[in-house]
Amino acid sequence: MSDTHGRISEAERAEHAAKALAALKKWNGYAPTAAQQQDVDSELDRRLAQATGE
């Protein structure tokens, strides 16, 4: 459930990520390794923090 600032919980974030990854794999075979996924997650976290001023 979103909080009062429109942010989603970690569980919701993980669920959305799993659904997106499954859709990408079905669509074009995208299947990153654990290390590649961690790199992407870290970059996304960095960009979100930069965008939100955190």
PDB file of N, CA and C in Angstrom:
ATOM      1  N   MET A   1       0.847  -1.178   0.000  1.00  0.00           N
ATOM      2  CA  MET A   1       0.000   0.000   0.000  1.00  0.00           C
ATOM      3  C   MET A   1       0.889   1.237   0.000  1.00  0.00           C
ATOM      4  N   SER A   2       0.513   2.225  -0.737  1.00  0.00           N
ATOM      5  CA  SER A   2       1.266   3.470  -0.805  1.00  0.00           C
ATOM      6  C   SER A   2       1.147   4.225   0.511  1.00  0.00           C
ATOM      7  N   ASP A   3       2.219   4.945   0.866  1.00  0.00           N
ATOM      8  CA  ASP A   3       2.131   5.790   2.052  1.00  0.00           C
ATOM      9  C   ASP A   3       1.512   7.132   1.677  1.00  0.00           C
ATOM     10  N   THR A   4       1.479   8.055   2.601  1.00  0.00           N
ATOM     11  CA  THR A   4       0.830   9.340   2.335  1.00  0.00           C
ATOM     12  C   THR A   4       1.571  10.188   1.316  1.00  0.00           C
ATOM     13  N   HIS A   5       2.801   9.783   0.970  1.00  0.00           N
ATOM     14  CA  HIS A   5       3.583  10.516  -0.025  1.00  0.00           C
ATOM     15  C   HIS A   5       3.581   9.811  -1.378  1.00  0.00           C
ATOM     16  N   GLY A   6       2.751   8.781  -1.510  1.00  0.00           N
ATOM     17  CA  GLY A   6       2.649   8.078  -2.787  1.00  0.00           C
ATOM     18  C   GLY A   6       3.735   7.041  -3.019  1.00  0.00           C
ATOM     19  N   ARG A   7       4.556   6.783  -2.002  1.00  0.00           N
ATOM     20  CA  ARG A   7       5.606   5.773  -2.150  1.00  0.00           C
ATOM     21  C   ARG A   7       5.032   4.394  -1.861  1.00  0.00           C
ATOM     22  N   ILE A   8       5.576   3.399  -2.526  1.00  0.00           N
ATOM     23  CA  ILE A   8       5.103   2.040  -2.315  1.00  0.00           C
ATOM     24  C   ILE A   8       6.001   1.338  -1.301  1.00  0.00           C
ATOM     25  N   SER A   9       5.474   0.290  -0.701  1.00  0.00           N
ATOM     26  CA  SER A   9       6.240  -0.472   0.280  1.00  0.00           C
ATOM     27  C   SER A   9       7.310  -1.302  -0.433  1.00  0.00           C
ATOM     28  N   GLU A  10       8.257  -1.805   0.344  1.00  0.00           N
ATOM     29  CA  GLU A  10       9.293  -2.669  -0.230  1.00  0.00           C
ATOM     30  C   GLU A  10       8.676  -3.928  -0.843  1.00  0.00           C
ATOM     31  N   ALA A  11       7.641  -4.462  -0.206  1.00  0.00           N
ATOM     32  CA  ALA A  11       6.981  -5.657  -0.739  1.00  0.00           C
ATOM     33  C   ALA A  11       6.322  -5.353  -2.087  1.00  0.00           C
ATOM     34  N   GLU A  12       5.663  -4.203  -2.182  1.00  0.00           N
ATOM     35  CA  GLU A  12       5.035  -3.815  -3.448  1.00  0.00           C
ATOM     36  C   GLU A  12       6.094  -3.575  -4.514  1.00  0.00           C
ATOM     37  N   ARG A  13       7.184  -2.956  -4.118  1.00  0.00           N
ATOM     38  CA  ARG A  13       8.278  -2.695  -5.063  1.00  0.00           C
ATOM     39  C   ARG A  13       8.827  -4.014  -5.603  1.00  0.00           C
ATOM     40  N   ALA A  14       9.027  -4.977  -4.718  1.00  0.00           N
ATOM     41  CA  ALA A  14       9.545  -6.280  -5.142  1.00  0.00           C
ATOM     42  C   ALA A  14       8.552  -6.982  -6.064  1.00  0.00           C
ATOM     43  N   GLU A  15       7.271  -6.873  -5.752  1.00  0.00           N
ATOM     44  CA  GLU A  15       6.244  -7.488  -6.593  1.00  0.00           C
ATOM     45  C   GLU A  15       6.224  -6.852  -7.980  1.00  0.00           C
ATOM     46  N   HIS A  16       6.285  -5.537  -8.033  1.00  0.00           N
ATOM     47  CA  HIS A  16       6.301  -4.839  -9.326  1.00  0.00           C
ATOM     48  C   HIS A  16       7.543  -5.232 -10.131  1.00  0.00           C
ATOM     49  N   ALA A  17       8.676  -5.308  -9.456  1.00  0.00           N
ATOM     50  CA  ALA A  17       9.921  -5.672 -10.139  1.00  0.00           C
ATOM     51  C   ALA A  17       9.843  -7.085 -10.708  1.00  0.00           C
ATOM     52  N   ALA A  18       9.299  -8.006  -9.942  1.00  0.00           N
ATOM     53  CA  ALA A  18       9.176  -9.385 -10.411  1.00  0.00           C
ATOM     54  C   ALA A  18       8.256  -9.472 -11.629  1.00  0.00           C
ATOM     55  N   LYS A  19       7.166  -8.742 -11.588  1.00  0.00           N
ATOM     56  CA  LYS A  19       6.236  -8.733 -12.731  1.00  0.00           C
ATOM     57  C   LYS A  19       6.889  -8.123 -13.963  1.00  0.00           C
ATOM     58  N   ALA A  20       7.614  -7.043 -13.782  1.00  0.00           N
ATOM     59  CA  ALA A  20       8.292  -6.398 -14.913  1.00  0.00           C
ATOM     60  C   ALA A  20       9.346  -7.319 -15.508  1.00  0.00           C
ATOM     61  N   LEU A  21      10.119  -7.971 -14.642  1.00  0.00           N
ATOM     62  CA  LEU A  21      11.149  -8.879 -15.120  1.00  0.00           C
ATOM     63  C   LEU A  21      10.539 -10.053 -15.885  1.00  0.00           C
ATOM     64  N   ALA A  22       9.439 -10.599 -15.385  1.00  0.00           N
ATOM     65  CA  ALA A  22       8.766 -11.702 -16.083  1.00  0.00           C
ATOM     66  C   ALA A  22       8.250 -11.249 -17.448  1.00  0.00           C
ATOM     67  N   ALA A  23       7.703 -10.043 -17.503  1.00  0.00           N
ATOM     68  CA  ALA A  23       7.199  -9.528 -18.778  1.00  0.00           C
ATOM     69  C   ALA A  23       8.331  -9.320 -19.779  1.00  0.00           C
ATOM     70  N   LEU A  24       9.452  -8.782 -19.312  1.00  0.00           N
ATOM     71  CA  LEU A  24      10.596  -8.582 -20.200  1.00  0.00           C
ATOM     72  C   LEU A  24      11.153  -9.906 -20.705  1.00  0.00           C
ATOM     73  N   LYS A  25      11.233 -10.888 -19.818  1.00  0.00           N
ATOM     74  CA  LYS A  25      11.753 -12.197 -20.228  1.00  0.00           C
ATOM     75  C   LYS A  25      10.841 -12.820 -21.280  1.00  0.00           C
ATOM     76  N   LYS A  26       9.536 -12.720 -21.070  1.00  0.00           N
ATOM     77  CA  LYS A  26       8.591 -13.282 -22.042  1.00  0.00           C
ATOM     78  C   LYS A  26       8.663 -12.532 -23.364  1.00  0.00           C
ATOM     79  N   TRP A  27       8.791 -11.227 -23.297  1.00  0.00           N
ATOM     80  CA  TRP A  27       8.768 -10.398 -24.495  1.00  0.00           C
ATOM     81  C   TRP A  27      10.025 -10.542 -25.335  1.00  0.00           C
ATOM     82  N   ASN A  28      11.208 -10.443 -24.681  1.00  0.00           N
ATOM     83  CA  ASN A  28      12.436 -10.443 -25.483  1.00  0.00           C
ATOM     84  C   ASN A  28      13.561 -11.315 -24.933  1.00  0.00           C
ATOM     85  N   GLY A  29      13.249 -12.158 -23.966  1.00  0.00           N
ATOM     86  CA  GLY A  29      14.256 -13.068 -23.441  1.00  0.00           C
ATOM     87  C   GLY A  29      15.198 -12.453 -22.422  1.00  0.00           C
ATOM     88  N   TYR A  30      14.915 -11.234 -21.969  1.00  0.00           N
ATOM     89  CA  TYR A  30      15.772 -10.549 -21.000  1.00  0.00           C
ATOM     90  C   TYR A  30      15.829 -11.346 -19.710  1.00  0.00           C
ATOM     91  N   ALA A  31      17.029 -11.771 -19.332  1.00  0.00           N
ATOM     92  CA  ALA A  31      17.211 -12.566 -18.117  1.00  0.00           C
ATOM     93  C   ALA A  31      18.576 -12.226 -17.514  1.00  0.00           C
ATOM     94  N   PRO A  32      18.661 -11.122 -16.778  1.00  0.00           N
ATOM     95  CA  PRO A  32      19.951 -10.717 -16.225  1.00  0.00           C
ATOM     96  C   PRO A  32      20.440 -11.667 -15.131  1.00  0.00           C
ATOM     97  N   THR A  33      21.749 -11.714 -14.980  1.00  0.00           N
ATOM     98  CA  THR A  33      22.327 -12.464 -13.873  1.00  0.00           C
ATOM     99  C   THR A  33      22.037 -11.705 -12.584  1.00  0.00           C
ATOM    100  N   ALA A  34      22.286 -12.332 -11.457  1.00  0.00           N
ATOM    101  CA  ALA A  34      22.082 -11.669 -10.165  1.00  0.00           C
ATOM    102  C   ALA A  34      22.955 -10.421 -10.062  1.00  0.00           C
ATOM    103  N   ALA A  35      24.189 -10.502 -10.543  1.00  0.00           N
ATOM    104  CA  ALA A  35      25.104  -9.353 -10.493  1.00  0.00           C
ATOM    105  C   ALA A  35      24.593  -8.211 -11.385  1.00  0.00           C
ATOM    106  N   GLN A  36      24.123  -8.547 -12.575  1.00  0.00           N
ATOM    107  CA  GLN A  36      23.579  -7.518 -13.465  1.00  0.00           C
ATOM    108  C   GLN A  36      22.345  -6.871 -12.846  1.00  0.00           C
ATOM    109  N   GLN A  37      21.495  -7.673 -12.237  1.00  0.00           N
ATOM    110  CA  GLN A  37      20.296  -7.144 -11.604  1.00  0.00           C
ATOM    111  C   GLN A  37      20.665  -6.216 -10.453  1.00  0.00           C
ATOM    112  N   GLN A  38      21.675  -6.583  -9.672  1.00  0.00           N
ATOM    113  CA  GLN A  38      22.116  -5.729  -8.566  1.00  0.00           C
ATOM    114  C   GLN A  38      22.646  -4.399  -9.089  1.00  0.00           C
ATOM    115  N   ASP A  39      23.392  -4.434 -10.188  1.00  0.00           N
ATOM    116  CA  ASP A  39      23.901  -3.196 -10.792  1.00  0.00           C
ATOM    117  C   ASP A  39      22.755  -2.284 -11.233  1.00  0.00           C
ATOM    118  N   VAL A  40      21.748  -2.873 -11.864  1.00  0.00           N
ATOM    119  CA  VAL A  40      20.590  -2.097 -12.319  1.00  0.00           C
ATOM    120  C   VAL A  40      19.834  -1.528 -11.117  1.00  0.00           C
ATOM    121  N   ASP A  41      19.639  -2.348 -10.094  1.00  0.00           N
ATOM    122  CA  ASP A  41      18.935  -1.885  -8.891  1.00  0.00           C
ATOM    123  C   ASP A  41      19.679  -0.737  -8.226  1.00  0.00           C
ATOM    124  N   SER A  42      20.993  -0.852  -8.140  1.00  0.00           N
ATOM    125  CA  SER A  42      21.798   0.204  -7.519  1.00  0.00           C
ATOM    126  C   SER A  42      21.712   1.502  -8.316  1.00  0.00           C
ATOM    127  N   GLU A  43      21.759   1.390  -9.620  1.00  0.00           N
ATOM    128  CA  GLU A  43      21.657   2.578 -10.466  1.00  0.00           C
ATOM    129  C   GLU A  43      20.283   3.228 -10.337  1.00  0.00           C
ATOM    130  N   LEU A  44      19.243   2.431 -10.299  1.00  0.00           N
ATOM    131  CA  LEU A  44      17.897   2.964 -10.124  1.00  0.00           C
ATOM    132  C   LEU A  44      17.771   3.668  -8.772  1.00  0.00           C
ATOM    133  N   ASP A  45      18.282   3.044  -7.721  1.00  0.00           N
ATOM    134  CA  ASP A  45      18.247   3.664  -6.395  1.00  0.00           C
ATOM    135  C   ASP A  45      18.993   4.998  -6.396  1.00  0.00           C
ATOM    136  N   ARG A  46      20.146   5.040  -7.063  1.00  0.00           N
ATOM    137  CA  ARG A  46      20.933   6.271  -7.135  1.00  0.00           C
ATOM    138  C   ARG A  46      20.151   7.371  -7.851  1.00  0.00           C
ATOM    139  N   ARG A  47      19.539   7.013  -8.969  1.00  0.00           N
ATOM    140  CA  ARG A  47      18.786   8.012  -9.738  1.00  0.00           C
ATOM    141  C   ARG A  47      17.547   8.499  -8.989  1.00  0.00           C
ATOM    142  N   LEU A  48      16.865   7.577  -8.310  1.00  0.00           N
ATOM    143  CA  LEU A  48      15.700   7.986  -7.520  1.00  0.00           C
ATOM    144  C   LEU A  48      16.101   8.912  -6.379  1.00  0.00           C
ATOM    145  N   ALA A  49      17.192   8.605  -5.714  1.00  0.00           N
ATOM    146  CA  ALA A  49      17.667   9.456  -4.625  1.00  0.00           C
ATOM    147  C   ALA A  49      18.038  10.833  -5.155  1.00  0.00           C
ATOM    148  N   GLN A  50      18.678  10.864  -6.304  1.00  0.00           N
ATOM    149  CA  GLN A  50      19.052  12.146  -6.906  1.00  0.00           C
ATOM    150  C   GLN A  50      17.810  12.946  -7.279  1.00  0.00           C
ATOM    151  N   ALA A  51      16.831  12.285  -7.841  1.00  0.00           N
ATOM    152  CA  ALA A  51      15.616  12.982  -8.281  1.00  0.00           C
ATOM    153  C   ALA A  51      14.778  13.498  -7.122  1.00  0.00           C
ATOM    154  N   THR A  52      14.824  12.796  -6.006  1.00  0.00           N
ATOM    155  CA  THR A  52      14.015  13.183  -4.854  1.00  0.00           C
ATOM    156  C   THR A  52      14.792  14.011  -3.835  1.00  0.00           C
ATOM    157  N   GLY A  53      16.071  14.243  -4.114  1.00  0.00           N
ATOM    158  CA  GLY A  53      16.895  15.041  -3.221  1.00  0.00           C
ATOM    159  C   GLY A  53      17.304  14.339  -1.940  1.00  0.00           C
ATOM    160  N   GLU A  54      17.239  13.023  -1.943  1.00  0.00           N
ATOM    161  CA  GLU A  54      17.610  12.260  -0.742  1.00  0.00           C
ATOM    162  C   GLU A  54      19.075  11.942  -0.733  1.00  0.00           C
TER     163      GLU A  54
END
